[in-house]
């Protein structure tokens, strides 16, 4: 019989549109007998499960529904999917690729409710006998959509599915700019950046949209939802979303649905989602969200711990201004909902796929411990202003001492600054401006500083600046007035006495 389903598998296409329904398989002789093997390629790993269901017998004349492994449910599903004259005596009557795809999906929907005829792992040859089989791959991570495959196995044939049609759904979040540019503020991979309070940070979120079988109902398909959560040190500014043809698209594809991110003022979360028919018409495209926020006075200060290595890493991320995103979606190609890995027919929470990603911002700080004559200044005694390297451009406006005599400039990035005392205390000298340089220490998450500042354990850098008292001047009530007056009078009297003695002696000499 003509092997009409030898091409029913298809090529894996990660993060892109599903291609046409052509299976890429290789036939080879196998002395051990008939088998089916799915290779570990194109996003599938050896941890992924393969389940094989026999749907019909292979007879001398071709296709037959009379095999004990089959039942009327398969026949009914096939008759509903393909109306090819109603003749399924032989598969040769189903020649249209679209019909083959429909038939494979319909039979797989029934197969999922039954125990598999054979099972194994990706990369392993799974023994079967002659017949027609539906092959289902269940990705271990529960995030990949895999189209079912209908395959004919003849005597002595070991069929290798070297390319299975699938879509690996992923999620990417990066920082694309700080104040509209990258420079040395954003790491090359976009996962981390440094900024100062008031800077605008631009984030980009990209997620490929799954393609489902044409039979998936728009009223049943699971929503495709991005949820972005940011710390209160980041103030929401705006978010825009498009559905594009590629991951780098800057405009929506023709006929794309409108996606409007949902944000409630005063919160730290927004969502962007596709639902129903909008989701189904966007299959194989990309949801692209651009999010802008400003770093505010709640900025978390880097403690030089380093950056997060993964989403769940909390050890090195406690000192980051974090921005996380979560994606939830349906990953069952046949239903548009959730792949039932354990076969219990329920949508269990642990079977619902969820992807996460992140992008962090790091910042530093300067602290001044202010003393007057060696004693801590009181609240509002002295004020400092932080300038750029030129000494005139204000970076942070004047900050006055707190009750402990401390002045804090939180939320600074690497750069050269000038610290000036711009509000002094009467009776004390005004200190000279202090030049200070904060350096990116090999990473946007680590900083070093020039003297006289030193690192502090809770992040940032500090120094002590003392204002000595002014010296007391004559006329101000100090002891200097009395001493000068008494000393001057004594000198005048002594000079007068010496003059009298001299005149008397001279007169005596003349006589």
Protein backbone atom coordinates (compact mmCIF):
# COMPACT_ATOMS: atom_id res chain seq x y z
CA UNK A 1 0.00 0.00 0.00
CA UNK A 2 1.16 3.52 -0.70
CA UNK A 3 2.46 5.13 2.45
CA UNK A 4 0.31 8.21 2.38
CA UNK A 5 1.28 9.21 5.92
CA UNK A 6 5.01 8.81 5.66
CA UNK A 7 5.17 12.62 5.42
CA UNK A 8 2.79 13.39 8.26
CA UNK A 9 5.55 14.63 10.64
CA UNK A 10 6.93 18.11 10.28
CA UNK A 11 9.98 20.25 10.94
CA UNK A 12 10.52 21.92 14.29
CA UNK A 13 10.36 25.65 14.13
CA UNK A 14 11.21 27.30 17.44
CA UNK A 15 9.67 30.70 18.09
CA UNK A 16 8.19 31.08 14.61
CA UNK A 17 5.16 30.29 12.49
CA UNK A 18 4.29 26.66 11.94
CA UNK A 19 5.43 25.62 8.51
CA UNK A 20 3.56 23.51 6.01
CA UNK A 21 2.62 19.99 7.09
CA UNK A 22 5.53 17.97 5.76
CA UNK A 23 7.12 15.41 8.06
CA UNK A 24 10.82 14.93 7.81
CA UNK A 25 11.56 11.33 8.56
CA UNK A 26 14.09 8.73 7.61
CA UNK A 27 13.39 5.06 7.00
CA UNK A 28 16.02 2.55 7.91
CA UNK A 29 16.23 -1.19 8.26
CA UNK A 30 16.20 -2.53 11.81
CA UNK A 31 17.02 -6.14 12.47
CA UNK A 32 15.30 -5.88 15.84
CA UNK A 33 11.96 -5.29 14.16
CA UNK A 34 9.56 -2.40 13.84
CA UNK A 35 10.11 0.71 15.93
CA UNK A 36 9.53 4.45 16.14
CA UNK A 37 12.20 6.86 17.33
CA UNK A 38 11.95 10.61 17.90
CA UNK A 39 15.37 12.23 17.83
CA UNK A 40 16.57 14.77 20.41
CA UNK A 41 16.65 17.73 18.08
CA UNK A 42 15.01 21.06 17.51
CA UNK A 43 14.12 21.88 21.08
CA UNK A 44 13.29 18.35 22.24
CA UNK A 45 15.46 16.69 24.87
CA UNK A 46 16.00 13.16 26.11
CA UNK A 47 13.88 13.98 29.14
CA UNK A 48 10.80 14.39 26.96
CA UNK A 49 8.21 11.62 26.92
CA UNK A 50 7.02 9.86 23.77
CA UNK A 51 3.66 8.10 23.79
CA UNK A 52 2.56 5.95 20.87
CA UNK A 53 -1.06 4.91 20.20
CA UNK A 54 -2.10 2.29 17.68
CA UNK A 55 -5.16 3.56 15.85
CA UNK A 56 -5.54 0.97 13.08
CA UNK A 57 -4.19 -2.32 11.85
CA UNK A 58 -1.93 -2.82 8.84
CA UNK A 59 -3.37 -5.49 6.61
CA UNK A 60 -2.43 -6.92 3.24
CA UNK A 61 -5.00 -4.65 1.62
CA UNK A 62 -4.10 -1.57 3.65
CA UNK A 63 -5.91 0.31 6.40
CA UNK A 64 -8.39 -1.59 8.62
CA UNK A 65 -10.49 -0.52 11.62
CA UNK A 66 -11.04 -4.09 12.72
CA UNK A 67 -7.93 -4.37 14.91
CA UNK A 68 -8.70 -4.98 18.61
CA UNK A 69 -6.52 -2.02 19.55
CA UNK A 70 -8.98 0.31 17.85
CA UNK A 71 -12.56 1.19 18.68
CA UNK A 72 -15.43 3.21 17.20
CA UNK A 73 -14.11 6.41 18.84
CA UNK A 74 -11.19 6.53 16.41
CA UNK A 75 -13.49 5.85 13.47
CA UNK A 76 -15.86 8.57 14.58
CA UNK A 77 -13.05 11.09 15.02
CA UNK A 78 -11.66 10.29 11.58
CA UNK A 79 -15.08 10.59 9.95
CA UNK A 80 -15.62 14.00 11.57
CA UNK A 81 -12.20 15.32 10.59
CA UNK A 82 -12.17 14.26 6.96
CA UNK A 83 -15.16 13.86 4.67
CA UNK A 84 -13.17 12.38 1.82
CA UNK A 85 -16.10 10.46 0.37
CA UNK A 86 -16.50 8.71 3.69
CA UNK A 87 -14.14 6.01 2.45
CA UNK A 88 -11.43 5.14 4.98
CA UNK A 89 -10.96 1.59 3.82
CA UNK A 90 -7.49 2.63 2.77
CA UNK A 91 -5.43 5.71 3.71
CA UNK A 92 -4.58 6.23 0.09
CA UNK A 93 -7.95 7.93 -0.20
CA UNK A 94 -6.68 10.74 2.09
CA UNK A 95 -4.22 12.60 -0.09
CA UNK A 96 -4.65 16.24 0.90
CA UNK A 97 -2.08 17.57 3.39
CA UNK A 98 -4.71 19.61 5.23
CA UNK A 99 -6.86 16.47 5.60
CA UNK A 100 -3.86 14.53 6.90
CA UNK A 101 -3.24 17.20 9.49
CA UNK A 102 -6.90 17.20 10.55
CA UNK A 103 -6.94 13.42 10.74
CA UNK A 104 -3.77 13.24 12.87
CA UNK A 105 -5.16 15.81 15.31
CA UNK A 106 -8.57 14.17 15.51
CA UNK A 107 -7.12 10.75 16.21
CA UNK A 108 -4.71 12.22 18.76
CA UNK A 109 -7.59 13.81 20.64
CA UNK A 110 -9.05 10.34 21.14
CA UNK A 111 -5.65 8.78 21.84
CA UNK A 112 -5.01 11.17 24.74
CA UNK A 113 -7.92 9.59 26.62
CA UNK A 114 -6.42 6.11 26.38
CA UNK A 115 -3.40 4.23 27.61
CA UNK A 116 -0.54 4.29 25.09
CA UNK A 117 0.28 1.18 23.12
CA UNK A 118 3.98 1.88 23.70
CA UNK A 119 5.98 4.62 25.35
CA UNK A 120 9.54 5.77 25.93
CA UNK A 121 11.82 8.77 25.78
CA UNK A 122 13.02 11.02 23.00
CA UNK A 123 16.16 9.54 21.46
CA UNK A 124 15.13 5.94 22.13
CA UNK A 125 13.80 3.46 19.55
CA UNK A 126 10.41 2.27 20.84
CA UNK A 127 9.36 -1.21 19.60
CA UNK A 128 5.97 -1.51 17.87
CA UNK A 129 4.33 -3.88 15.42
CA UNK A 130 2.93 -3.23 11.98
CA UNK A 131 0.12 -0.71 12.03
CA UNK A 132 -0.89 2.92 12.02
CA UNK A 133 0.12 5.02 15.00
CA UNK A 134 -0.38 8.43 16.49
CA UNK A 135 2.84 9.71 18.09
CA UNK A 136 2.61 12.32 20.87
CA UNK A 137 5.61 14.03 22.42
CA UNK A 138 5.14 15.52 25.87
CA UNK A 139 7.92 18.05 26.61
CA UNK A 140 9.32 17.73 30.12
CA UNK A 141 9.19 21.48 30.73
CA UNK A 142 5.57 21.61 29.66
CA UNK A 143 6.18 24.72 27.56
CA UNK A 144 6.47 23.35 24.02
CA UNK A 145 3.61 22.69 21.62
CA UNK A 146 4.13 19.56 19.54
CA UNK A 147 1.87 18.65 16.66
CA UNK A 148 0.73 15.01 16.68
CA UNK A 149 2.09 12.69 14.01
CA UNK A 150 0.21 9.90 12.23
CA UNK A 151 2.61 7.26 10.91
CA UNK A 152 2.40 3.96 9.06
CA UNK A 153 4.86 1.23 10.12
CA UNK A 154 5.45 -1.73 7.82
CA UNK A 155 7.16 -5.03 8.41
CA UNK A 156 10.76 -4.65 9.61
CA UNK A 157 10.64 -0.84 9.46
CA UNK A 158 12.34 1.37 12.03
CA UNK A 159 10.99 4.85 11.50
CA UNK A 160 13.05 7.80 12.71
CA UNK A 161 11.36 11.14 13.23
CA UNK A 162 14.38 13.39 12.90
CA UNK A 163 12.35 16.56 12.87
CA UNK A 164 9.11 16.91 14.74
CA UNK A 165 6.91 19.90 14.13
CA UNK A 166 6.86 21.95 17.30
CA UNK A 167 6.99 25.43 18.73
CA UNK A 168 9.11 26.19 21.76
CA UNK A 169 7.47 29.08 23.58
CA UNK A 170 10.00 31.33 25.28
CA UNK A 171 10.14 34.64 27.12
CA UNK A 172 12.76 37.37 26.95
CA UNK A 173 13.10 40.58 28.95
CA UNK A 174 15.94 43.05 28.42
CA UNK A 175 16.88 46.64 29.17
CA UNK A 176 17.32 48.47 25.88
CA UNK A 177 18.19 51.98 27.08
CA UNK A 178 18.80 54.33 30.00
CA UNK A 179 17.71 57.86 29.12
CA UNK A 180 17.34 56.77 25.51
CA UNK A 181 20.87 55.38 25.10
CA UNK A 182 22.93 52.35 26.09
CA UNK A 183 26.57 53.48 26.27
CA UNK A 184 28.33 51.76 29.16
CA UNK A 185 25.23 51.86 31.37
CA UNK A 186 23.65 48.69 29.94
CA UNK A 187 25.35 45.29 29.89
CA UNK A 188 25.74 43.68 26.45
CA UNK A 189 23.11 41.02 27.17
CA UNK A 190 20.60 43.64 28.35
CA UNK A 191 19.89 41.81 31.60
CA UNK A 192 21.44 44.48 33.87
CA UNK A 193 22.03 48.21 33.81
CA UNK A 194 23.05 51.03 36.14
CA UNK A 195 21.16 54.29 36.59
CA UNK A 196 20.68 57.26 38.88
CA UNK A 197 17.47 58.62 40.40
CA UNK A 198 15.42 60.37 37.74
CA UNK A 199 16.76 58.28 34.85
CA UNK A 200 14.28 56.70 32.45
CA UNK A 201 14.80 52.97 31.89
CA UNK A 202 13.35 51.26 28.81
CA UNK A 203 12.57 47.53 28.92
CA UNK A 204 11.62 45.19 26.08
CA UNK A 205 9.62 41.99 26.51
CA UNK A 206 9.31 39.48 23.65
CA UNK A 207 7.23 36.30 23.60
CA UNK A 208 6.45 34.10 20.56
CA UNK A 209 2.71 33.38 20.26
CA UNK A 210 1.75 29.70 19.89
CA UNK A 211 0.01 28.30 16.82
CA UNK A 212 -2.80 25.87 17.51
CA UNK A 213 -4.72 23.42 15.36
CA UNK A 214 -7.38 25.03 13.18
CA UNK A 215 -10.07 23.24 15.17
CA UNK A 216 -9.21 25.04 18.45
CA UNK A 217 -12.19 27.00 19.72
CA UNK A 218 -11.79 30.73 20.33
CA UNK A 219 -14.10 30.39 23.33
CA UNK A 220 -11.97 27.68 24.92
CA UNK A 221 -8.38 28.64 24.12
CA UNK A 222 -6.39 29.66 27.20
CA UNK A 223 -5.45 33.34 27.44
CA UNK A 224 -1.91 34.38 26.53
CA UNK A 225 -0.98 36.74 29.38
CA UNK A 226 2.17 38.71 30.21
CA UNK A 227 2.31 40.08 33.77
CA UNK A 228 5.09 42.53 34.58
CA UNK A 229 5.95 43.24 38.23
CA UNK A 230 8.42 45.94 39.26
CA UNK A 231 9.71 47.25 42.59
CA UNK A 232 8.41 50.46 44.14
CA UNK A 233 11.80 52.03 43.37
CA UNK A 234 10.62 52.13 39.74
CA UNK A 235 7.82 54.50 38.79
CA UNK A 236 5.60 53.37 35.89
CA UNK A 237 5.71 55.75 32.96
CA UNK A 238 4.24 53.94 29.95
CA UNK A 239 3.84 50.59 28.21
CA UNK A 240 3.00 49.85 24.58
CA UNK A 241 2.45 46.51 22.85
CA UNK A 242 2.36 45.24 19.29
CA UNK A 243 2.01 41.88 17.58
CA UNK A 244 4.81 41.67 15.01
CA UNK A 245 5.99 39.22 12.37
CA UNK A 246 9.45 38.92 13.96
CA UNK A 247 10.98 39.33 17.39
CA UNK A 248 12.60 42.59 16.30
CA UNK A 249 9.51 44.11 14.67
CA UNK A 250 8.77 47.75 15.43
CA UNK A 251 5.28 47.77 13.96
CA UNK A 252 2.34 45.39 13.98
CA UNK A 253 1.73 42.96 11.13
CA UNK A 254 -1.09 43.76 8.72
CA UNK A 255 -4.42 42.99 10.35
CA UNK A 256 -2.87 42.44 13.77
CA UNK A 257 -5.14 42.82 16.80
CA UNK A 258 -4.69 45.83 19.06
CA UNK A 259 -3.06 45.06 22.40
CA UNK A 260 -3.42 47.66 25.16
CA UNK A 261 -1.43 47.00 28.36
CA UNK A 262 -3.56 47.30 31.50
CA UNK A 263 -2.14 49.34 34.39
CA UNK A 264 -3.76 50.72 37.54
CA UNK A 265 -2.24 53.93 38.89
CA UNK A 266 -0.25 53.51 42.07
CA UNK A 267 0.42 49.80 41.59
CA UNK A 268 3.59 47.97 40.60
CA UNK A 269 2.08 45.57 38.02
CA UNK A 270 0.71 45.74 34.50
CA UNK A 271 -0.53 43.08 32.07
CA UNK A 272 -0.64 42.62 28.32
CA UNK A 273 -2.72 39.79 26.89
CA UNK A 274 -4.23 38.14 23.83
CA UNK A 275 -7.50 36.23 24.03
CA UNK A 276 -9.87 34.21 21.87
CA UNK A 277 -9.89 34.99 18.19
CA UNK A 278 -7.19 37.67 18.57
CA UNK A 279 -4.86 35.02 19.95
CA UNK A 280 -5.70 32.45 17.28
CA UNK A 281 -5.17 34.94 14.43
CA UNK A 282 -1.75 35.84 15.88
CA UNK A 283 -0.34 32.32 15.96
CA UNK A 284 3.33 32.17 14.98
CA UNK A 285 3.78 35.92 15.54
CA UNK A 286 5.40 37.75 18.48
CA UNK A 287 3.97 39.82 21.29
CA UNK A 288 6.40 42.71 21.86
CA UNK A 289 5.98 45.03 24.84
CA UNK A 290 8.02 48.17 25.48
CA UNK A 291 7.88 49.38 29.08
CA UNK A 292 9.31 52.62 30.47
CA UNK A 293 9.87 53.51 34.12
CA UNK A 294 11.89 56.06 36.09
CA UNK A 295 14.15 55.27 39.02
CA UNK A 296 12.83 57.11 42.08
CA UNK A 297 13.99 58.01 45.60
CA UNK A 298 13.21 54.50 46.86
CA UNK A 299 16.19 53.22 44.87
CA UNK A 300 17.81 50.10 46.29
CA UNK A 301 21.56 50.59 46.75
CA UNK A 302 24.02 48.04 45.39
CA UNK A 303 26.02 46.13 47.99
CA UNK A 304 28.43 44.79 45.39
CA UNK A 305 27.02 41.26 45.57
CA UNK A 306 26.84 40.74 41.82
CA UNK A 307 23.93 40.06 39.49
CA UNK A 308 21.24 37.40 39.36
CA UNK A 309 22.27 34.25 37.55
CA UNK A 310 18.66 33.13 37.09
CA UNK A 311 15.10 34.15 37.87
CA UNK A 312 14.97 32.42 41.24
CA UNK A 313 18.33 33.77 42.41
CA UNK A 314 17.68 35.89 45.52
CA UNK A 315 21.19 35.79 47.00
CA UNK A 316 22.72 38.26 44.58
CA UNK A 317 19.58 40.19 43.70
CA UNK A 318 18.59 41.67 47.08
CA UNK A 319 20.41 44.88 46.18
CA UNK A 320 18.89 45.22 42.70
CA UNK A 321 15.98 47.32 41.51
CA UNK A 322 14.12 44.34 40.08
CA UNK A 323 11.67 44.10 37.22
CA UNK A 324 10.20 40.64 36.58
CA UNK A 325 7.80 39.28 33.97
CA UNK A 326 5.66 36.13 33.88
CA UNK A 327 4.00 34.47 30.88
CA UNK A 328 1.03 32.11 31.14
CA UNK A 329 -0.50 30.32 28.11
CA UNK A 330 -2.02 27.09 26.85
CA UNK A 331 0.47 24.59 25.42
CA UNK A 332 -1.78 21.84 24.06
CA UNK A 333 -1.64 22.08 20.29
CA UNK A 334 -4.90 20.20 19.87
CA UNK A 335 -7.05 22.12 22.37
CA UNK A 336 -5.32 25.45 22.98
CA UNK A 337 -5.39 24.78 26.70
CA UNK A 338 -2.96 22.82 28.92
CA UNK A 339 -1.16 19.61 28.01
CA UNK A 340 -2.49 16.86 30.26
CA UNK A 341 0.79 15.17 31.12
CA UNK A 342 -0.59 12.76 33.70
CA UNK A 343 -3.61 11.84 31.58
CA UNK A 344 -6.17 12.41 34.33
CA UNK A 345 -8.32 14.64 32.14
CA UNK A 346 -8.02 17.62 34.49
CA UNK A 347 -6.28 20.98 34.14
CA UNK A 348 -3.96 20.60 37.11
CA UNK A 349 -2.16 23.73 38.31
CA UNK A 350 1.27 22.10 38.06
CA UNK A 351 0.56 21.27 34.41
CA UNK A 352 -0.14 24.87 33.45
CA UNK A 353 3.02 26.27 31.88
CA UNK A 354 4.53 29.44 33.30
CA UNK A 355 7.65 31.18 32.04
CA UNK A 356 9.58 33.93 33.84
CA UNK A 357 12.32 36.39 33.03
CA UNK A 358 13.84 39.53 34.55
CA UNK A 359 15.99 42.62 34.06
CA UNK A 360 17.62 44.54 36.93
CA UNK A 361 18.92 48.06 37.58
CA UNK A 362 21.76 48.86 40.00
CA UNK A 363 22.67 52.13 41.67
CA UNK A 364 25.06 53.53 44.30
CA UNK A 365 25.01 56.26 47.00
CA UNK A 366 27.14 58.86 48.81
CA UNK A 367 26.78 59.63 52.53
CA UNK A 368 28.33 62.53 54.48
CA UNK A 369 28.66 62.40 58.26
CA UNK A 370 28.75 66.11 59.12
CA UNK A 371 30.38 67.50 62.29
CA UNK A 372 30.75 71.07 63.55
CA UNK A 373 33.79 71.57 65.73
CA UNK A 374 34.02 67.81 66.12
CA UNK A 375 30.39 67.35 67.21
CA UNK A 376 27.60 65.91 65.02
CA UNK A 377 25.58 68.58 63.26
CA UNK A 378 21.90 68.91 64.10
CA UNK A 379 18.96 68.71 61.71
CA UNK A 380 19.14 71.36 58.96
CA UNK A 381 22.44 72.78 60.30
CA UNK A 382 24.35 72.34 57.03
CA UNK A 383 23.34 71.65 53.42
CA UNK A 384 25.21 70.03 50.54
CA UNK A 385 24.51 70.04 46.79
CA UNK A 386 25.90 67.45 44.38
CA UNK A 387 27.15 68.70 41.02
CA UNK A 388 28.49 67.09 37.87
CA UNK A 389 32.19 67.20 37.09
CA UNK A 390 31.90 70.78 35.79
CA UNK A 391 30.91 71.98 39.24
CA UNK A 392 27.90 73.91 37.93
CA UNK A 393 25.42 71.33 36.63
CA UNK A 394 23.24 70.20 39.54
CA UNK A 395 22.92 66.42 39.81
CA UNK A 396 21.06 66.39 43.14
CA UNK A 397 19.59 69.50 44.76
CA UNK A 398 20.62 70.66 48.22
CA UNK A 399 20.16 68.14 51.01
CA UNK A 400 20.48 69.25 54.64
CA UNK A 401 21.72 67.29 57.62
CA UNK A 402 19.26 65.02 59.39
CA UNK A 403 18.92 64.65 63.15
CA UNK A 404 22.11 62.57 63.21
CA UNK A 405 24.10 65.05 61.14
CA UNK A 406 23.99 62.84 58.04
CA UNK A 407 23.49 63.89 54.43
CA UNK A 408 22.52 61.18 51.91
CA UNK A 409 22.60 61.17 48.12
CA UNK A 410 21.01 57.84 47.17
CA UNK A 411 20.64 56.56 43.64
CA UNK A 412 23.80 57.50 41.78
CA UNK A 413 25.49 55.81 38.86
CA UNK A 414 29.18 55.73 37.98
CA UNK A 415 30.58 59.16 37.20
CA UNK A 416 32.59 62.17 38.39
CA UNK A 417 30.91 64.49 40.87
CA UNK A 418 31.64 67.62 42.93
CA UNK A 419 30.21 67.87 46.44
CA UNK A 420 29.72 71.46 47.67
CA UNK A 421 28.58 72.85 51.00
CA UNK A 422 25.86 75.29 49.95
CA UNK A 423 24.31 76.08 53.34
CA UNK A 424 26.69 76.66 56.25
CA UNK A 425 26.37 77.19 60.01
CA UNK A 426 27.18 80.61 61.48
CA UNK A 427 30.39 80.62 63.48
CA UNK A 428 31.97 77.79 61.49
CA UNK A 429 34.19 77.72 58.46
CA UNK A 430 32.79 76.54 55.11
CA UNK A 431 34.68 73.52 53.77
CA UNK A 432 36.17 73.41 50.27
CA UNK A 433 34.36 71.45 47.50
CA UNK A 434 35.14 67.72 47.41
CA UNK A 435 35.79 65.91 44.12
CA UNK A 436 34.52 62.32 44.12
CA UNK A 437 34.52 59.62 41.43
CA UNK A 438 32.26 56.56 41.47
CA UNK A 439 33.61 53.85 39.18
CA UNK A 440 31.82 50.89 37.60
CA UNK A 441 33.94 48.10 39.01
CA UNK A 442 33.83 45.69 36.07
CA UNK A 443 30.05 45.33 36.24
CA UNK A 444 27.05 47.63 36.40
CA UNK A 445 26.21 46.00 39.74
CA UNK A 446 29.54 46.75 41.45
CA UNK A 447 31.08 50.12 42.26
CA UNK A 448 34.25 51.59 43.79
CA UNK A 449 34.96 55.18 44.88
CA UNK A 450 37.78 57.72 45.24
CA UNK A 451 39.00 59.08 48.57
CA UNK A 452 37.97 60.45 51.02
CA UNK A 453 34.94 58.16 50.67
CA UNK A 454 34.98 54.52 51.81
CA UNK A 455 32.53 51.65 51.35
CA UNK A 456 29.83 50.95 53.94
CA UNK A 457 28.33 47.56 54.73
CA UNK A 458 24.79 48.40 53.59
CA UNK A 459 25.91 49.73 50.24
CA UNK A 460 27.19 53.08 49.01
CA UNK A 461 30.14 55.12 50.26
CA UNK A 462 30.62 57.58 53.13
CA UNK A 463 33.02 60.20 54.47
CA UNK A 464 33.29 62.51 57.50
CA UNK A 465 33.51 66.28 56.95
CA UNK A 466 34.19 68.59 59.90
CA UNK A 467 33.66 72.37 59.95
CA UNK A 468 36.04 74.06 62.42
CA UNK A 469 34.82 77.17 64.31
CA UNK A 470 35.85 80.62 63.18
CA UNK A 471 38.58 82.39 65.30
CA UNK A 472 37.30 85.16 67.69
CA UNK A 473 38.14 88.68 66.39
CA UNK A 474 38.63 92.03 68.34
CA UNK A 475 35.37 93.77 69.08
CA UNK A 476 33.46 90.56 69.34
CA UNK A 477 33.74 90.26 73.13
CA UNK A 478 36.79 87.98 73.25
CA UNK A 479 39.80 88.32 75.60
CA UNK A 480 41.83 89.86 72.77
CA UNK A 481 40.36 93.36 73.42
CA UNK A 482 41.50 93.58 77.07
CA UNK A 483 44.98 92.31 76.34
CA UNK A 484 45.53 94.78 73.53
CA UNK A 485 44.20 97.69 75.62
CA UNK A 486 46.25 96.96 78.77
CA UNK A 487 49.40 96.18 76.79
CA UNK A 488 49.12 99.36 74.76
CA UNK A 489 48.65 101.57 77.86
CA UNK A 490 51.65 100.00 79.57
CA UNK A 491 53.85 100.70 76.59
CA UNK A 492 52.75 104.36 76.49
CA UNK A 493 53.42 104.86 80.23
CA UNK A 494 56.83 103.20 79.99
CA UNK A 495 57.78 105.37 77.07
CA UNK A 496 56.71 108.48 78.96
CA UNK A 497 58.70 107.57 82.05
CA UNK A 498 61.82 106.90 80.02
CA UNK A 499 61.44 110.27 78.29
CA UNK A 500 61.24 112.15 81.64
CA UNK A 501 64.34 110.37 82.99
CA UNK A 502 66.23 111.15 79.82
CA UNK A 503 65.36 114.88 79.91
CA UNK A 504 66.42 115.25 83.55
CA UNK A 505 69.76 113.57 82.92
CA UNK A 506 70.40 115.78 79.92
CA UNK A 507 69.70 118.92 81.92
CA UNK A 508 72.09 117.82 84.66
CA UNK A 509 74.82 117.17 82.16
CA UNK A 510 74.41 120.66 80.68
CA UNK A 511 74.87 122.34 84.08
